[in-house]
Amino acid sequence: MTASITDFSHFQALRAGAERDDPAAIREAAGQFEALFVQTLLKNMRAASLAEPVFGASDQHDMYQEMLDKQLALEMTNGKGIGLADLLVRQLGGSVTDVPAAVKSHGVAIPQSPYPLKVRPQWSGADDFVKDIWPHAQRTAERLDVAPEAIVAQAALETGWGQRVMRRGDGVSSNNLFGIKAGSSWNGDRISRLTLEYRDGIAARQVEEFRSYPSLAATFDDYATVLADKSRYRDVIGKGDDIGGFASALQDAGYATDPAYAEKVMRVAGSDTLRDALAGLKIQNDAPINRELPAGAR
């Protein structure tokens, strides 16, 4: 199930395969329906509120809730899913034993979930996450001449405050905090992951290969090298305390396909979660920890 549940051109390809009684096409079509069902179910569950939230609502809360729902839908429909796809395969005349667990789509094997539920996150929460990566963020920020808060915010956005760091098949963390992909020039370890990409503003699920690092230090060093050495990111370097400028330059350079990527980075950077985590560190330096963000960053 690599294609978007809203990618109708892909549905046409699946339909053609199903008409040929292709077991893989039937399985994937059933999986696509299951993913659509789960996402709709989660959306309706969130909307079914009998009263206003106890602690109020905010755009920031809605953003994190949307991120969580997408991740839940991905987890619930990946691999064997919730069983609905198997039922549909049988109804369509196929067999659940016709296609291996790693179903293929357009020749690409879909891996099992990169977040095994039995493996505990590396960090207990946002405070623990920020405390651990802050020294690396400071060092990287000095090299790039950007705000360390911006780097922490990006890592938090990419990993859900460290709770969704990609893992290898053996459960060991990839330490990839910035979602850096493994292209042909990457000679290190790599992992495959079913991820969400945007094409012309439409979300699409597809398999991508990402870099895997032996340590957090290696992650931040490579992240700094990618931004410093690639000409496409020249406008990202040297933004200083301008977190909004940093985030916008990242998006303009094509760091991520999400059209709201810069806005999300700025929201995380201006969130109470990050401010409280940094305040808890009791860092003593000349520059204030809580920086003023551009209008609309919060």
Protein backbone atom coordinates (compact mmCIF):
# COMPACT_ATOMS: atom_id res chain seq x y z
CA MET A 1 0.00 0.00 0.00
CA THR A 2 2.37 2.67 -1.14
CA ALA A 3 0.09 4.94 -3.10
CA SER A 4 -2.09 7.67 -1.72
CA ILE A 5 -5.65 6.81 -0.80
CA THR A 6 -6.60 9.85 -2.88
CA ASP A 7 -4.43 8.94 -5.88
CA PHE A 8 -7.16 8.04 -8.37
CA SER A 9 -4.71 7.34 -11.19
CA HIS A 10 -3.26 4.62 -8.99
CA PHE A 11 -6.76 3.26 -8.43
CA GLN A 12 -7.09 2.85 -12.20
CA ALA A 13 -3.90 0.78 -12.27
CA LEU A 14 -5.19 -1.34 -9.40
CA ARG A 15 -8.50 -1.83 -11.20
CA ALA A 16 -6.73 -3.04 -14.32
CA GLY A 17 -4.68 -5.48 -12.25
CA ALA A 18 -7.77 -6.73 -10.41
CA GLU A 19 -9.53 -7.38 -13.72
CA ARG A 20 -6.60 -9.64 -14.61
CA ASP A 21 -7.10 -11.43 -11.26
CA ASP A 22 -3.65 -10.28 -10.18
CA PRO A 23 -3.42 -11.36 -6.49
CA ALA A 24 -1.08 -8.48 -5.64
CA ALA A 25 -3.43 -5.92 -7.18
CA ILE A 26 -6.43 -7.37 -5.35
CA ARG A 27 -4.52 -7.30 -2.07
CA GLU A 28 -3.37 -3.75 -2.55
CA ALA A 29 -6.83 -2.53 -3.55
CA ALA A 30 -8.21 -4.06 -0.36
CA GLY A 31 -5.42 -2.45 1.62
CA GLN A 32 -6.17 0.95 0.12
CA PHE A 33 -9.81 0.64 1.15
CA GLU A 34 -8.78 -0.41 4.66
CA ALA A 35 -6.52 2.65 4.97
CA LEU A 36 -9.31 4.93 3.80
CA PHE A 37 -11.72 3.33 6.26
CA VAL A 38 -9.35 3.75 9.22
CA GLN A 39 -8.54 7.39 8.41
CA THR A 40 -12.24 8.18 8.07
CA LEU A 41 -13.00 6.36 11.32
CA LEU A 42 -10.36 8.30 13.24
CA LYS A 43 -11.55 11.60 11.80
CA ASN A 44 -15.14 10.88 12.80
CA MET A 45 -14.09 9.80 16.27
CA ARG A 46 -12.27 13.08 16.79
CA ALA A 47 -15.29 15.01 15.56
CA ALA A 48 -17.70 13.16 17.88
CA SER A 49 -17.30 15.43 20.89
CA LEU A 50 -20.15 15.95 23.32
CA ALA A 51 -18.65 19.12 24.78
CA GLU A 52 -15.83 21.60 24.41
CA PRO A 53 -12.37 20.27 25.34
CA VAL A 54 -11.60 20.70 29.03
CA PHE A 55 -8.41 22.62 28.33
CA GLY A 56 -9.63 24.44 25.25
CA ALA A 57 -8.58 24.02 21.64
CA SER A 58 -5.90 25.61 19.48
CA ASP A 59 -4.42 25.39 16.01
CA GLN A 60 -1.30 23.87 17.55
CA HIS A 61 -3.36 21.17 19.28
CA ASP A 62 -5.19 20.42 16.04
CA MET A 63 -1.90 20.11 14.16
CA TYR A 64 -0.46 17.60 16.63
CA GLN A 65 -3.75 15.71 16.70
CA GLU A 66 -3.72 15.44 12.91
CA MET A 67 -0.13 14.18 13.01
CA LEU A 68 -1.10 11.57 15.59
CA ASP A 69 -4.14 10.42 13.61
CA LYS A 70 -2.05 9.97 10.46
CA GLN A 71 0.50 7.94 12.39
CA LEU A 72 -2.21 5.79 13.99
CA ALA A 73 -3.79 5.12 10.60
CA LEU A 74 -0.38 4.16 9.20
CA GLU A 75 0.31 1.81 12.12
CA MET A 76 -3.12 0.20 12.05
CA THR A 77 -3.16 -0.52 8.30
CA ASN A 78 0.47 -1.51 7.84
CA GLY A 79 1.46 -5.19 7.70
CA LYS A 80 -1.58 -7.36 8.51
CA GLY A 81 -3.67 -4.31 9.31
CA ILE A 82 -6.95 -4.67 11.19
CA GLY A 83 -8.21 -7.64 9.18
CA LEU A 84 -10.58 -5.72 6.93
CA ALA A 85 -8.25 -6.05 3.93
CA ASP A 86 -8.10 -9.84 4.34
CA LEU A 87 -11.90 -9.97 4.45
CA LEU A 88 -12.16 -7.91 1.26
CA VAL A 89 -9.58 -10.09 -0.50
CA ARG A 90 -11.73 -13.14 0.21
CA GLN A 91 -14.87 -11.30 -0.94
CA LEU A 92 -13.11 -10.42 -4.20
CA GLY A 93 -12.28 -14.06 -4.81
CA GLY A 94 -8.65 -13.93 -3.76
CA SER A 95 -6.75 -15.73 -1.04
CA VAL A 96 -4.86 -14.16 1.83
CA THR A 97 -2.10 -16.69 1.17
CA ASP A 98 -1.66 -15.61 -2.46
CA VAL A 99 0.51 -12.63 -1.59
CA PRO A 100 3.39 -12.58 0.93
CA ALA A 101 3.29 -10.32 3.98
CA ALA A 102 5.51 -7.79 2.24
CA VAL A 103 3.07 -6.97 -0.55
CA LYS A 104 4.67 -5.48 -3.67
CA SER A 105 3.48 -2.35 -5.41
CA HIS A 106 5.07 -1.35 -8.71
CA GLY A 107 7.95 -3.69 -7.87
CA VAL A 108 8.67 -2.12 -4.47
CA ALA A 109 8.39 -4.31 -1.38
CA ILE A 110 6.52 -2.67 1.47
CA PRO A 111 8.29 -3.27 4.80
CA GLN A 112 6.59 -3.99 8.07
CA SER A 113 5.98 -1.10 10.47
CA PRO A 114 9.24 0.70 11.37
CA TYR A 115 7.84 1.37 14.85
CA PRO A 116 7.44 -1.99 16.62
CA LEU A 117 4.98 -1.46 19.44
CA LYS A 118 7.02 -3.67 21.76
CA VAL A 119 10.01 -1.34 21.54
CA ARG A 120 9.93 1.56 23.97
CA PRO A 121 10.83 5.03 22.70
CA GLN A 122 14.36 6.20 23.38
CA TRP A 123 13.06 9.22 25.28
CA SER A 124 10.35 9.42 27.93
CA GLY A 125 8.96 12.69 26.64
CA ALA A 126 9.67 16.14 25.22
CA ASP A 127 11.77 17.29 28.17
CA ASP A 128 14.00 14.21 28.00
CA PHE A 129 14.28 14.52 24.23
CA VAL A 130 15.28 18.21 24.28
CA LYS A 131 17.75 17.69 27.13
CA ASP A 132 19.52 14.93 25.20
CA ILE A 133 19.81 16.64 21.83
CA TRP A 134 20.33 20.26 22.96
CA PRO A 135 24.17 20.07 23.10
CA HIS A 136 24.22 18.61 19.57
CA ALA A 137 21.80 21.28 18.37
CA GLN A 138 23.99 24.03 19.82
CA ARG A 139 27.09 22.65 18.14
CA THR A 140 25.28 22.30 14.81
CA ALA A 141 23.73 25.75 15.11
CA GLU A 142 27.15 27.34 15.52
CA ARG A 143 28.37 25.62 12.38
CA LEU A 144 25.35 26.73 10.34
CA ASP A 145 24.84 30.11 12.04
CA VAL A 146 21.20 29.43 12.86
CA ALA A 147 19.19 29.27 16.08
CA PRO A 148 19.57 25.99 17.99
CA GLU A 149 15.86 26.20 18.86
CA ALA A 150 15.07 25.96 15.15
CA ILE A 151 17.08 22.76 14.83
CA VAL A 152 15.45 21.23 17.90
CA ALA A 153 12.02 22.22 16.57
CA GLN A 154 12.70 20.53 13.25
CA ALA A 155 13.89 17.35 14.95
CA ALA A 156 10.82 17.40 17.21
CA LEU A 157 8.52 17.81 14.22
CA GLU A 158 10.17 15.01 12.26
CA THR A 159 10.09 12.54 15.16
CA GLY A 160 7.15 13.58 17.35
CA TRP A 161 9.49 14.73 20.15
CA GLY A 162 11.57 11.59 19.75
CA GLN A 163 8.66 9.16 20.03
CA ARG A 164 8.69 8.09 16.36
CA VAL A 165 12.34 7.74 15.44
CA MET A 166 12.67 5.18 12.64
CA ARG A 167 14.04 1.82 13.72
CA ARG A 168 15.87 -0.93 11.92
CA GLY A 169 14.40 -4.39 11.55
CA ASP A 170 16.12 -5.51 14.76
CA GLY A 171 14.50 -2.67 16.72
CA VAL A 172 17.67 -0.57 17.02
CA SER A 173 17.15 3.16 16.49
CA SER A 174 18.30 4.67 13.21
CA ASN A 175 19.05 7.93 15.07
CA ASN A 176 17.67 9.74 12.02
CA LEU A 177 16.02 12.77 13.61
CA PHE A 178 15.68 14.85 10.44
CA GLY A 179 14.12 12.45 7.95
CA ILE A 180 17.19 12.54 5.69
CA LYS A 181 16.80 10.13 2.78
CA ALA A 182 19.48 7.76 1.53
CA GLY A 183 20.19 8.59 -2.09
CA SER A 184 22.71 6.97 -4.41
CA SER A 185 25.55 8.99 -2.87
CA TRP A 186 24.93 7.62 0.64
CA ASN A 187 27.34 4.82 1.56
CA GLY A 188 26.18 4.21 5.11
CA ASP A 189 23.45 2.03 6.57
CA ARG A 190 19.90 2.60 5.38
CA ILE A 191 16.37 1.54 6.22
CA SER A 192 13.14 1.43 4.21
CA ARG A 193 10.02 3.08 5.51
CA LEU A 194 6.46 3.64 4.35
CA THR A 195 6.16 7.42 4.50
CA LEU A 196 3.86 10.26 3.55
CA GLU A 197 4.90 12.53 0.68
CA TYR A 198 3.03 15.33 -1.08
CA ARG A 199 2.64 15.70 -4.83
CA ASP A 200 0.89 18.87 -5.97
CA GLY A 201 -0.51 19.27 -2.46
CA ILE A 202 -1.94 15.73 -2.35
CA ALA A 203 -0.64 13.32 0.28
CA ALA A 204 0.76 10.06 -1.07
CA ARG A 205 2.06 7.04 0.81
CA GLN A 206 5.21 5.50 -0.65
CA VAL A 207 8.29 3.56 0.33
CA GLU A 208 11.51 5.55 0.70
CA GLU A 209 15.00 4.70 1.93
CA PHE A 210 16.40 6.73 4.81
CA ARG A 211 19.84 7.06 6.34
CA SER A 212 20.70 5.22 9.54
CA TYR A 213 23.34 6.54 11.93
CA PRO A 214 25.41 4.92 14.69
CA SER A 215 24.87 7.83 17.11
CA LEU A 216 23.12 11.14 17.66
CA ALA A 217 26.40 12.97 17.08
CA ALA A 218 26.68 11.36 13.64
CA THR A 219 23.11 12.40 12.87
CA PHE A 220 23.72 16.07 13.61
CA ASP A 221 27.09 16.07 11.84
CA ASP A 222 25.53 14.67 8.68
CA TYR A 223 22.57 17.04 8.91
CA ALA A 224 24.96 20.00 9.11
CA THR A 225 26.99 18.66 6.19
CA VAL A 226 23.90 18.22 4.02
CA LEU A 227 22.78 21.81 4.60
CA ALA A 228 26.26 23.29 4.32
CA ASP A 229 27.47 21.43 1.26
CA LYS A 230 24.42 21.39 -1.01
CA SER A 231 23.95 24.60 -3.01
CA ARG A 232 20.17 24.29 -2.83
CA TYR A 233 20.36 25.09 0.90
CA ARG A 234 22.61 28.14 0.65
CA ASP A 235 19.76 30.43 1.74
CA VAL A 236 19.17 28.32 4.84
CA ILE A 237 22.63 29.01 6.24
CA GLY A 238 23.29 32.15 8.27
CA LYS A 239 19.74 32.96 9.38
CA GLY A 240 20.87 33.57 12.95
CA ASP A 241 17.92 34.02 15.29
CA ASP A 242 15.46 34.27 12.43
CA ILE A 243 13.67 30.96 12.96
CA GLY A 244 10.91 31.88 10.54
CA GLY A 245 13.46 32.67 7.84
CA PHE A 246 15.23 29.38 8.51
CA ALA A 247 12.01 27.35 8.24
CA SER A 248 10.85 29.15 5.11
CA ALA A 249 14.24 28.70 3.43
CA LEU A 250 14.12 24.97 4.19
CA GLN A 251 10.72 24.66 2.55
CA ASP A 252 11.70 26.80 -0.44
CA ALA A 253 14.76 24.61 -0.97
CA GLY A 254 12.57 21.52 -1.10
CA TYR A 255 13.74 19.91 2.16
CA ALA A 256 10.25 18.45 2.62
CA THR A 257 7.28 18.01 0.30
CA ASP A 258 4.73 19.03 2.93
CA PRO A 259 3.39 22.45 1.80
CA ALA A 260 2.92 23.46 5.47
CA TYR A 261 6.38 22.33 6.59
CA ALA A 262 7.73 25.79 7.43
CA GLU A 263 4.61 26.71 9.37
CA LYS A 264 4.82 23.50 11.39
CA VAL A 265 8.48 24.05 12.26
CA MET A 266 7.68 27.56 13.44
CA ARG A 267 4.74 26.35 15.52
CA VAL A 268 6.89 23.81 17.29
CA ALA A 269 9.62 26.40 17.83
CA GLY A 270 7.10 28.78 19.41
CA SER A 271 5.27 26.13 21.42
CA ASP A 272 5.03 26.08 25.20
CA THR A 273 6.34 22.51 25.04
CA LEU A 274 9.70 23.62 23.70
CA ARG A 275 9.87 26.72 25.87
CA ASP A 276 9.18 24.71 29.02
CA ALA A 277 11.71 22.05 28.06
CA LEU A 278 14.42 24.65 27.48
CA ALA A 279 13.54 26.48 30.68
CA GLY A 280 13.91 23.21 32.54
CA LEU A 281 17.48 22.86 31.33
CA LYS A 282 18.45 26.03 33.22
CA ILE A 283 20.97 26.85 30.55
CA GLN A 284 23.20 29.77 31.43
CA ASN A 285 24.44 31.68 28.40
CA ASP A 286 24.51 35.19 27.00
CA ALA A 287 21.68 34.72 24.50
CA PRO A 288 18.12 34.32 25.79
CA ILE A 289 16.59 30.89 25.35
CA ASN A 290 13.13 32.17 24.50
CA ARG A 291 13.47 34.09 21.24
CA GLU A 292 10.80 36.21 19.63
CA LEU A 293 9.30 34.54 16.59
CA PRO A 294 7.74 36.18 13.52
CA ALA A 295 4.02 36.87 13.56
CA GLY A 296 1.97 33.71 13.08
CA ALA A 297 4.70 31.39 14.33
CA ARG A 298 2.72 30.32 17.37
